[in-house]
């Protein structure tokens, strides 16, 4: 005969107080996304609405997470898991939440050559279910290159001044100018660029069949124009230099580009964004933020 095992959680709480969230953080589990198996960390919890209850049933939350290892990660699957959270806490909780953190690995083509490489994108999926329905958010961090427009203008001025000094006493031929432009004496100054980061928190429509992670990453990188590269040849590096030269931007420019791109995407309900340009001139960073919510007709 199985011995009786006490369940302390069923006892009355020593202090009667409801709690906003009780659960677990940092649960290791596999996910399936875009046909690939990913390693993720999950935070799972529910509200504790019954002020007399000592605690929740954490093992029930843990077991409900097993669904995530079996099927492709979709809004429908997230809703099922959150429904399981609440069904296993009937009378205790009215709100369930889940955060999934993982690195999405995407293959990226070089700009010119036929090379390909892999790039990692830190991602988080936030899902919450309550009386108001399902709320879905994506959190993304994207690296890119930014060339300072001010520095570019100052570099051009120095090149002009050097040209005037080098050819002050003669009118140069086309061949002489061509050779001068290709020399270190000609390009006497270059603008400074920095590795920069876009941090996006995006609220999605709740009726989506798929999570548009890759589509939103592609959209954001296209709007910026200078996503960092993976495998490159010299031709790709030259194309990247051209993209930076034709695409200088302050942090304000980058924030506006991302804002307009995301606001125009049909799957996006709201967002907040931050861009950080890790200055190569200064010892501090340049930062811009923006937020938006779709108006409901």
Protein backbone atom coordinates (compact mmCIF):
# COMPACT_ATOMS: atom_id res chain seq x y z
CA UNK A 1 0.00 0.00 0.00
CA UNK A 2 1.35 3.45 -0.94
CA UNK A 3 2.07 5.60 2.06
CA UNK A 4 0.17 8.88 2.32
CA UNK A 5 2.30 11.80 1.20
CA UNK A 6 1.49 15.16 2.75
CA UNK A 7 0.78 18.17 0.49
CA UNK A 8 1.71 21.29 2.41
CA UNK A 9 0.51 23.49 -0.47
CA UNK A 10 -3.10 22.60 0.37
CA UNK A 11 -2.80 24.13 3.82
CA UNK A 12 -4.05 27.65 4.50
CA UNK A 13 -1.55 30.45 3.99
CA UNK A 14 -0.11 31.92 7.20
CA UNK A 15 -0.77 35.40 5.76
CA UNK A 16 -3.84 35.90 3.58
CA UNK A 17 -2.67 37.76 0.50
CA UNK A 18 -3.11 37.20 -3.24
CA UNK A 19 0.02 37.30 -5.42
CA UNK A 20 0.47 38.60 -8.97
CA UNK A 21 2.79 35.83 -10.18
CA UNK A 22 4.16 32.58 -8.80
CA UNK A 23 6.14 30.09 -10.81
CA UNK A 24 9.59 29.01 -11.99
CA UNK A 25 12.39 30.63 -13.94
CA UNK A 26 15.17 29.20 -16.07
CA UNK A 27 13.55 25.87 -16.99
CA UNK A 28 15.61 24.11 -19.67
CA UNK A 29 13.59 22.62 -22.51
CA UNK A 30 13.75 22.02 -26.29
CA UNK A 31 11.64 23.91 -28.83
CA UNK A 32 10.82 23.29 -32.47
CA UNK A 33 10.88 26.31 -34.74
CA UNK A 34 11.22 26.46 -38.55
CA UNK A 35 11.79 22.72 -38.50
CA UNK A 36 14.82 23.05 -36.22
CA UNK A 37 15.29 21.93 -32.63
CA UNK A 38 16.34 24.76 -30.31
CA UNK A 39 17.56 24.88 -26.73
CA UNK A 40 15.49 27.30 -24.65
CA UNK A 41 14.99 28.56 -21.12
CA UNK A 42 11.43 29.08 -19.91
CA UNK A 43 9.81 31.13 -17.16
CA UNK A 44 6.38 29.72 -16.33
CA UNK A 45 3.89 31.04 -13.80
CA UNK A 46 0.34 31.87 -12.82
CA UNK A 47 -1.33 34.41 -10.60
CA UNK A 48 -2.27 33.24 -7.10
CA UNK A 49 -5.72 34.78 -6.64
CA UNK A 50 -6.90 32.70 -3.70
CA UNK A 51 -5.49 34.59 -0.73
CA UNK A 52 -6.09 31.56 1.52
CA UNK A 53 -4.05 29.17 -0.63
CA UNK A 54 -0.53 28.38 0.57
CA UNK A 55 0.90 28.00 -2.93
CA UNK A 56 0.46 26.80 -6.49
CA UNK A 57 1.22 23.40 -8.06
CA UNK A 58 4.55 24.02 -9.75
CA UNK A 59 4.95 20.44 -10.93
CA UNK A 60 1.77 20.83 -13.00
CA UNK A 61 3.27 23.82 -14.80
CA UNK A 62 6.46 21.88 -15.46
CA UNK A 63 4.60 18.91 -16.92
CA UNK A 64 2.45 21.16 -19.14
CA UNK A 65 5.61 22.50 -20.77
CA UNK A 66 6.18 19.07 -22.35
CA UNK A 67 3.86 20.11 -25.21
CA UNK A 68 6.52 22.57 -26.39
CA UNK A 69 8.98 19.79 -27.17
CA UNK A 70 6.52 17.91 -29.38
CA UNK A 71 5.22 20.41 -31.94
CA UNK A 72 6.23 23.51 -33.88
CA UNK A 73 6.12 26.66 -31.75
CA UNK A 74 2.98 28.55 -32.80
CA UNK A 75 0.49 30.91 -31.13
CA UNK A 76 -1.96 28.01 -30.97
CA UNK A 77 0.55 25.84 -29.12
CA UNK A 78 1.33 28.63 -26.68
CA UNK A 79 -2.37 29.06 -25.96
CA UNK A 80 -2.72 25.33 -25.32
CA UNK A 81 0.13 25.38 -22.80
CA UNK A 82 -1.31 28.41 -21.00
CA UNK A 83 -4.76 26.79 -21.01
CA UNK A 84 -3.15 23.77 -19.32
CA UNK A 85 -1.59 26.07 -16.71
CA UNK A 86 -4.99 27.53 -15.83
CA UNK A 87 -6.91 24.23 -16.04
CA UNK A 88 -4.52 22.73 -13.51
CA UNK A 89 -5.06 25.71 -11.18
CA UNK A 90 -8.84 26.08 -11.31
CA UNK A 91 -9.99 28.20 -8.39
CA UNK A 92 -6.45 29.42 -7.72
CA UNK A 93 -5.46 31.43 -10.79
CA UNK A 94 -7.01 33.51 -13.57
CA UNK A 95 -3.85 34.55 -15.39
CA UNK A 96 -1.00 32.44 -16.84
CA UNK A 97 2.23 33.58 -18.44
CA UNK A 98 5.18 32.05 -20.23
CA UNK A 99 8.50 33.48 -21.39
CA UNK A 100 10.76 31.53 -23.74
CA UNK A 101 14.32 32.67 -24.35
CA UNK A 102 16.45 31.13 -27.10
CA UNK A 103 18.96 31.89 -29.85
CA UNK A 104 17.55 31.71 -33.36
CA UNK A 105 20.25 30.64 -35.84
CA UNK A 106 19.63 31.85 -39.39
CA UNK A 107 21.69 31.24 -42.51
CA UNK A 108 22.64 34.46 -44.28
CA UNK A 109 23.99 34.97 -47.80
CA UNK A 110 26.94 37.26 -48.50
CA UNK A 111 26.25 40.53 -50.31
CA UNK A 112 27.97 39.66 -53.59
CA UNK A 113 29.70 36.28 -53.55
CA UNK A 114 28.06 32.89 -53.20
CA UNK A 115 29.22 32.44 -49.61
CA UNK A 116 26.79 31.73 -46.79
CA UNK A 117 27.19 31.83 -43.03
CA UNK A 118 25.18 31.56 -39.84
CA UNK A 119 24.12 34.38 -37.56
CA UNK A 120 22.64 34.15 -34.08
CA UNK A 121 19.67 36.28 -33.02
CA UNK A 122 18.78 36.36 -29.31
CA UNK A 123 14.98 36.06 -29.11
CA UNK A 124 12.29 35.94 -26.47
CA UNK A 125 8.64 34.97 -26.80
CA UNK A 126 6.28 36.30 -24.13
CA UNK A 127 2.76 34.86 -23.88
CA UNK A 128 0.05 35.71 -21.37
CA UNK A 129 -3.50 34.37 -21.10
CA UNK A 130 -6.25 35.81 -18.90
CA UNK A 131 -9.86 36.98 -19.08
CA UNK A 132 -8.91 39.44 -21.84
CA UNK A 133 -7.53 36.68 -24.07
CA UNK A 134 -4.06 35.86 -25.36
CA UNK A 135 -1.30 38.45 -25.53
CA UNK A 136 1.83 37.68 -27.55
CA UNK A 137 5.09 39.63 -27.62
CA UNK A 138 8.42 39.06 -29.34
CA UNK A 139 11.69 40.49 -28.10
CA UNK A 140 14.58 40.69 -30.60
CA UNK A 141 18.14 42.02 -30.59
CA UNK A 142 19.72 42.77 -33.97
CA UNK A 143 23.31 43.90 -34.65
CA UNK A 144 24.09 46.27 -37.51
CA UNK A 145 26.71 48.77 -38.64
CA UNK A 146 26.18 52.54 -38.51
CA UNK A 147 28.35 55.20 -40.12
CA UNK A 148 28.17 58.65 -38.55
CA UNK A 149 26.85 61.27 -41.05
CA UNK A 150 28.73 64.06 -39.27
CA UNK A 151 31.99 62.14 -39.44
CA UNK A 152 31.38 61.40 -43.13
CA UNK A 153 30.90 65.09 -43.91
CA UNK A 154 34.05 66.05 -42.00
CA UNK A 155 36.05 63.35 -43.80
CA UNK A 156 34.85 64.62 -47.19
CA UNK A 157 35.93 68.14 -46.26
CA UNK A 158 39.44 66.95 -45.37
CA UNK A 159 39.68 65.10 -48.70
CA UNK A 160 38.67 68.28 -50.51
CA UNK A 161 41.27 70.29 -48.64
CA UNK A 162 43.96 67.71 -49.39
CA UNK A 163 43.01 67.75 -53.07
CA UNK A 164 43.24 71.54 -53.16
CA UNK A 165 46.66 71.43 -51.50
CA UNK A 166 48.08 68.66 -53.68
CA UNK A 167 46.95 70.26 -56.95
CA UNK A 168 47.24 73.92 -55.99
CA UNK A 169 49.79 74.73 -58.69
CA UNK A 170 48.45 72.70 -61.59
CA UNK A 171 45.28 71.43 -63.16
CA UNK A 172 45.37 67.65 -62.83
CA UNK A 173 44.56 65.30 -65.67
CA UNK A 174 41.85 62.69 -65.40
CA UNK A 175 44.52 60.01 -64.97
CA UNK A 176 46.22 61.98 -62.18
CA UNK A 177 42.94 62.44 -60.28
CA UNK A 178 42.11 58.77 -60.71
CA UNK A 179 45.50 57.73 -59.30
CA UNK A 180 45.23 60.26 -56.48
CA UNK A 181 41.82 58.97 -55.40
CA UNK A 182 43.22 55.45 -55.19
CA UNK A 183 46.15 56.47 -52.99
CA UNK A 184 46.46 56.89 -49.24
CA UNK A 185 47.38 60.52 -49.89
CA UNK A 186 44.02 61.09 -51.58
CA UNK A 187 41.68 59.45 -49.08
CA UNK A 188 43.28 61.19 -46.14
CA UNK A 189 40.32 60.66 -43.77
CA UNK A 190 37.58 58.11 -43.34
CA UNK A 191 34.30 58.41 -41.36
CA UNK A 192 33.92 56.35 -38.24
CA UNK A 193 31.45 53.48 -38.00
CA UNK A 194 30.33 51.45 -35.03
CA UNK A 195 28.65 48.15 -34.31
CA UNK A 196 25.13 49.04 -33.27
CA UNK A 197 22.15 47.17 -31.86
CA UNK A 198 18.40 47.38 -32.29
CA UNK A 199 16.36 46.08 -29.37
CA UNK A 200 12.74 45.44 -30.35
CA UNK A 201 9.74 44.46 -28.23
CA UNK A 202 6.81 43.72 -30.52
CA UNK A 203 3.22 42.91 -29.57
CA UNK A 204 1.54 40.68 -32.16
CA UNK A 205 -2.03 40.15 -33.24
CA UNK A 206 -3.55 37.29 -31.26
CA UNK A 207 -5.05 35.52 -34.31
CA UNK A 208 -1.80 34.58 -36.07
CA UNK A 209 -1.16 31.01 -37.14
CA UNK A 210 2.64 31.36 -37.05
CA UNK A 211 5.17 33.44 -35.16
CA UNK A 212 6.65 35.91 -37.69
CA UNK A 213 10.10 35.94 -36.13
CA UNK A 214 12.11 35.54 -39.31
CA UNK A 215 9.89 37.92 -41.27
CA UNK A 216 10.30 40.66 -38.67
CA UNK A 217 14.07 40.15 -38.48
CA UNK A 218 14.31 40.40 -42.28
CA UNK A 219 12.12 43.52 -42.27
CA UNK A 220 14.19 45.25 -39.60
CA UNK A 221 17.51 44.43 -41.28
CA UNK A 222 16.23 45.62 -44.67
CA UNK A 223 15.09 48.93 -43.18
CA UNK A 224 18.54 49.54 -41.67
CA UNK A 225 20.48 48.42 -44.74
CA UNK A 226 23.73 47.50 -43.00
CA UNK A 227 23.18 44.26 -41.10
CA UNK A 228 26.45 42.68 -39.92
CA UNK A 229 27.76 39.96 -42.22
CA UNK A 230 28.92 36.37 -41.80
CA UNK A 231 31.27 34.76 -44.37
CA UNK A 232 32.70 37.31 -46.79
CA UNK A 233 35.17 37.70 -49.62
CA UNK A 234 36.83 40.98 -50.50
CA UNK A 235 34.03 41.74 -52.97
CA UNK A 236 31.50 41.39 -50.14
CA UNK A 237 33.58 43.59 -47.87
CA UNK A 238 33.70 46.22 -50.59
CA UNK A 239 29.93 46.00 -51.03
CA UNK A 240 29.52 46.44 -47.28
CA UNK A 241 31.77 49.52 -47.38
CA UNK A 242 29.56 50.89 -50.18
CA UNK A 243 26.39 50.19 -48.18
CA UNK A 244 27.82 52.06 -45.19
CA UNK A 245 29.01 54.96 -47.35
CA UNK A 246 25.63 55.31 -49.07
CA UNK A 247 23.70 54.78 -45.86
CA UNK A 248 25.09 56.95 -43.02
CA UNK A 249 22.76 57.30 -40.05
CA UNK A 250 22.51 58.79 -36.61
CA UNK A 251 20.73 56.76 -33.95
CA UNK A 252 17.69 58.97 -34.60
CA UNK A 253 17.70 57.91 -38.25
CA UNK A 254 17.89 54.22 -37.35
CA UNK A 255 15.03 54.51 -34.83
CA UNK A 256 12.80 56.25 -37.38
CA UNK A 257 13.51 53.67 -40.07
CA UNK A 258 12.64 50.80 -37.74
CA UNK A 259 9.54 52.60 -36.45
CA UNK A 260 8.13 53.13 -39.94
CA UNK A 261 8.93 49.57 -41.02
CA UNK A 262 7.32 47.92 -38.00
CA UNK A 263 4.28 50.20 -38.00
CA UNK A 264 3.61 49.12 -41.58
CA UNK A 265 3.61 45.38 -40.81
CA UNK A 266 0.13 43.88 -40.61
CA UNK A 267 1.01 41.40 -37.84
CA UNK A 268 2.24 44.10 -35.44
CA UNK A 269 -0.21 45.51 -32.89
CA UNK A 270 2.27 47.62 -30.91
CA UNK A 271 5.99 47.93 -30.25
CA UNK A 272 8.71 49.68 -28.32
CA UNK A 273 12.22 49.93 -29.72
CA UNK A 274 15.64 51.13 -28.72
CA UNK A 275 18.72 51.57 -30.88
CA UNK A 276 22.19 51.77 -29.37
CA UNK A 277 25.14 53.05 -31.37
CA UNK A 278 28.27 51.97 -29.49
CA UNK A 279 30.31 55.03 -30.39
CA UNK A 280 33.83 54.60 -31.70
CA UNK A 281 34.50 58.33 -31.19
CA UNK A 282 33.15 58.67 -27.66
CA UNK A 283 33.41 56.51 -24.56
CA UNK A 284 29.60 56.58 -24.26
CA UNK A 285 26.77 55.30 -26.46
CA UNK A 286 24.22 57.17 -28.56
CA UNK A 287 20.67 55.92 -27.92
CA UNK A 288 17.21 56.58 -29.38
CA UNK A 289 13.85 55.10 -28.37
CA UNK A 290 10.38 55.00 -29.89
CA UNK A 291 7.05 53.29 -29.30
CA UNK A 292 3.79 52.85 -31.16
CA UNK A 293 0.35 51.24 -30.84
CA UNK A 294 -2.08 50.60 -33.67
CA UNK A 295 -5.28 52.60 -33.39
CA UNK A 296 -8.38 50.44 -33.14
CA UNK A 297 -11.15 51.53 -35.51
